[in-house]
Amino acid sequence: RWLIHHYSVGATGEGDAKLLHGKNEKGVSVQFVIGRDGKVFQICDPMISCNHAGGKGKSFWKGVDGLNRHSIGIEYTNYGFGFPERHHGSVVLAHRNDPKHKMPWEVFPEVQIASGVSLTEWLFKNIPTLEESLGHDDISPGRKSDPGPAFPMGRMRAVSK
């Protein structure tokens, strides 16, 4: 029912794709990864449930508890907040879930966002049960900060309609 956007805290798209494929020490998996260069990695079939959104008691939306079985995940290679020395460009912003605390967030390159827009459009065109695009911070506020304020969520929501 939902497309969930995340950032990976990873260094490369290839590294994120390898880490998020199948079983790993983090216990996390996802359907797609988009590297900073815009390259898209399909990790598994979008109809297969992955462990990216949080199970019961970890994610909620529109009366549904535990969204892994009800969502498709896209991870964008990005460090998120902190680590300004690793950022490929950063902007100082406050997260909407913590508006009093400003910190550096890595900027998402336009080529990466363009790939995200294209993938989002394709998924909504081809999977009629998808209802809307959300951030991990929408479904797990206070627990998750991704994709964060540097991510253009409005663009993803606009192409999801």
Protein backbone atom coordinates (compact mmCIF):
# COMPACT_ATOMS: atom_id res chain seq x y z
CA ARG A 1 0.00 0.00 0.00
CA TRP A 2 2.89 2.39 0.67
CA LEU A 3 6.25 3.35 -0.77
CA ILE A 4 8.71 4.18 2.04
CA HIS A 5 11.77 6.37 1.37
CA HIS A 6 14.89 5.97 3.54
CA TYR A 7 18.51 7.04 3.70
CA SER A 8 21.08 4.30 4.21
CA VAL A 9 23.92 5.95 6.18
CA GLY A 10 26.09 4.16 3.62
CA ALA A 11 29.13 5.15 1.61
CA THR A 12 28.25 3.72 -1.83
CA GLY A 13 25.23 2.40 -3.69
CA GLU A 14 27.05 -0.85 -4.42
CA GLY A 15 27.94 -1.30 -0.75
CA ASP A 16 24.37 -0.56 0.33
CA ALA A 17 23.00 -3.01 -2.23
CA LYS A 18 25.30 -5.77 -0.99
CA LEU A 19 24.52 -5.08 2.66
CA LEU A 20 20.76 -4.90 2.19
CA HIS A 21 20.47 -8.04 0.08
CA GLY A 22 19.18 -11.02 2.07
CA LYS A 23 20.27 -11.77 5.63
CA ASN A 24 22.84 -9.46 7.21
CA GLU A 25 24.03 -8.45 10.65
CA LYS A 26 21.62 -5.49 10.75
CA GLY A 27 18.61 -7.66 9.95
CA VAL A 28 17.52 -5.09 7.36
CA SER A 29 16.52 -5.65 3.75
CA VAL A 30 14.91 -3.48 1.09
CA GLN A 31 13.54 -3.75 -2.43
CA PHE A 32 15.58 -0.92 -4.05
CA VAL A 33 18.75 1.10 -3.46
CA ILE A 34 19.63 4.31 -5.32
CA GLY A 35 23.28 5.39 -5.23
CA ARG A 36 24.48 9.00 -5.20
CA ASP A 37 25.27 8.61 -8.90
CA GLY A 38 21.61 7.74 -9.63
CA LYS A 39 22.25 4.06 -10.27
CA VAL A 40 19.28 1.94 -9.18
CA PHE A 41 19.79 -1.51 -7.68
CA GLN A 42 16.80 -3.81 -7.47
CA ILE A 43 17.44 -6.05 -4.48
CA CYS A 44 14.30 -8.16 -4.72
CA ASP A 45 10.83 -8.30 -6.26
CA PRO A 46 8.64 -5.45 -4.97
CA MET A 47 5.99 -8.00 -4.04
CA ILE A 48 8.33 -9.71 -1.56
CA SER A 49 8.20 -8.34 1.99
CA CYS A 50 11.46 -6.85 3.22
CA ASN A 51 12.51 -5.72 6.70
CA HIS A 52 12.85 -1.95 6.16
CA ALA A 53 9.82 -0.23 7.69
CA GLY A 54 9.65 -1.80 11.12
CA GLY A 55 7.55 -4.65 12.40
CA LYS A 56 4.71 -4.58 14.90
CA GLY A 57 5.06 -1.79 17.41
CA LYS A 58 7.75 -0.08 15.29
CA SER A 59 5.80 1.54 12.42
CA PHE A 60 2.22 2.76 12.07
CA TRP A 61 0.14 4.36 9.34
CA LYS A 62 -3.60 4.72 8.80
CA GLY A 63 -4.45 2.14 11.46
CA VAL A 64 -1.89 -0.42 10.28
CA ASP A 65 0.77 -1.59 12.78
CA GLY A 66 3.99 -2.98 11.30
CA LEU A 67 4.36 -1.83 7.71
CA ASN A 68 6.96 -4.25 6.34
CA ARG A 69 4.28 -6.47 4.80
CA HIS A 70 2.41 -3.49 3.41
CA SER A 71 5.19 -1.45 1.82
CA ILE A 72 8.02 -1.22 -0.67
CA GLY A 73 11.29 0.37 0.46
CA ILE A 74 13.74 2.57 -1.40
CA GLU A 75 17.09 3.32 0.30
CA TYR A 76 19.03 6.34 -0.94
CA THR A 77 22.76 6.22 -0.31
CA ASN A 78 23.19 9.15 2.04
CA TYR A 79 24.72 9.69 5.48
CA GLY A 80 21.75 11.67 6.76
CA PHE A 81 22.60 13.87 9.73
CA GLY A 82 25.93 14.19 11.45
CA PHE A 83 29.19 13.07 9.83
CA PRO A 84 29.65 16.45 8.06
CA GLU A 85 33.20 15.43 7.14
CA ARG A 86 31.73 12.58 5.05
CA HIS A 87 28.97 14.59 3.40
CA HIS A 88 29.00 15.21 -0.31
CA GLY A 89 27.63 18.68 0.44
CA SER A 90 25.45 19.50 3.42
CA VAL A 91 22.79 21.87 4.62
CA VAL A 92 22.00 22.84 8.22
CA LEU A 93 18.33 22.18 8.93
CA ALA A 94 15.99 21.14 11.72
CA HIS A 95 13.95 17.98 11.33
CA ARG A 96 10.19 18.52 11.51
CA ASN A 97 10.02 15.99 14.36
CA ASP A 98 12.66 18.01 16.30
CA PRO A 99 12.22 21.62 15.09
CA LYS A 100 14.40 23.26 17.76
CA HIS A 101 17.55 21.29 16.93
CA LYS A 102 19.43 22.23 13.72
CA MET A 103 22.24 20.05 12.41
CA PRO A 104 24.04 19.28 9.14
CA TRP A 105 22.25 16.94 6.72
CA GLU A 106 23.84 15.51 3.61
CA VAL A 107 22.36 16.90 0.42
CA PHE A 108 20.85 14.37 -2.00
CA PRO A 109 22.39 14.86 -5.48
CA GLU A 110 19.89 15.83 -8.19
CA VAL A 111 20.80 12.79 -10.31
CA GLN A 112 19.89 10.54 -7.34
CA ILE A 113 16.58 12.34 -6.79
CA ALA A 114 15.78 12.18 -10.52
CA SER A 115 16.26 8.39 -10.37
CA GLY A 116 14.03 8.29 -7.28
CA VAL A 117 11.31 10.25 -9.07
CA SER A 118 11.51 7.93 -12.10
CA LEU A 119 11.39 4.80 -9.94
CA THR A 120 8.51 6.18 -7.88
CA GLU A 121 6.54 7.01 -11.04
CA TRP A 122 7.21 3.54 -12.44
CA LEU A 123 6.16 1.78 -9.24
CA PHE A 124 2.90 3.73 -8.96
CA LYS A 125 2.13 3.11 -12.64
CA ASN A 126 2.77 -0.63 -12.37
CA ILE A 127 1.55 -1.51 -8.87
CA PRO A 128 -2.08 -0.40 -8.60
CA THR A 129 -2.30 -1.14 -4.86
CA LEU A 130 0.22 1.59 -3.98
CA GLU A 131 -1.53 4.48 -2.25
CA GLU A 132 1.15 7.03 -1.29
CA SER A 133 4.82 7.83 -0.76
CA LEU A 134 6.00 8.25 2.82
CA GLY A 135 9.23 8.78 4.70
CA HIS A 136 10.41 6.41 7.40
CA ASP A 137 10.05 9.43 9.68
CA ASP A 138 6.31 9.57 8.83
CA ILE A 139 5.62 6.01 9.95
CA SER A 140 8.07 5.92 12.88
CA PRO A 141 8.21 9.50 14.21
CA GLY A 142 10.62 9.96 17.07
CA ARG A 143 12.29 6.62 16.27
CA LYS A 144 13.51 7.32 12.73
CA SER A 145 14.73 10.49 11.04
CA ASP A 146 15.06 9.30 7.46
CA PRO A 147 14.84 10.46 4.80
CA GLY A 148 15.08 13.77 6.68
CA PRO A 149 14.63 17.44 5.84
CA ALA A 150 17.20 17.52 3.01
CA PHE A 151 15.09 14.97 1.06
CA PRO A 152 12.52 16.45 -1.36
CA MET A 153 9.56 14.41 -0.12
CA GLY A 154 7.15 16.81 -1.81
CA ARG A 155 8.49 15.76 -5.23
CA MET A 156 7.98 12.09 -4.40
CA ARG A 157 4.45 12.71 -3.15
CA ALA A 158 3.63 14.76 -6.26
CA VAL A 159 4.55 11.92 -8.64
CA SER A 160 2.70 9.40 -6.46
CA LYS A 161 -0.71 10.83 -7.30
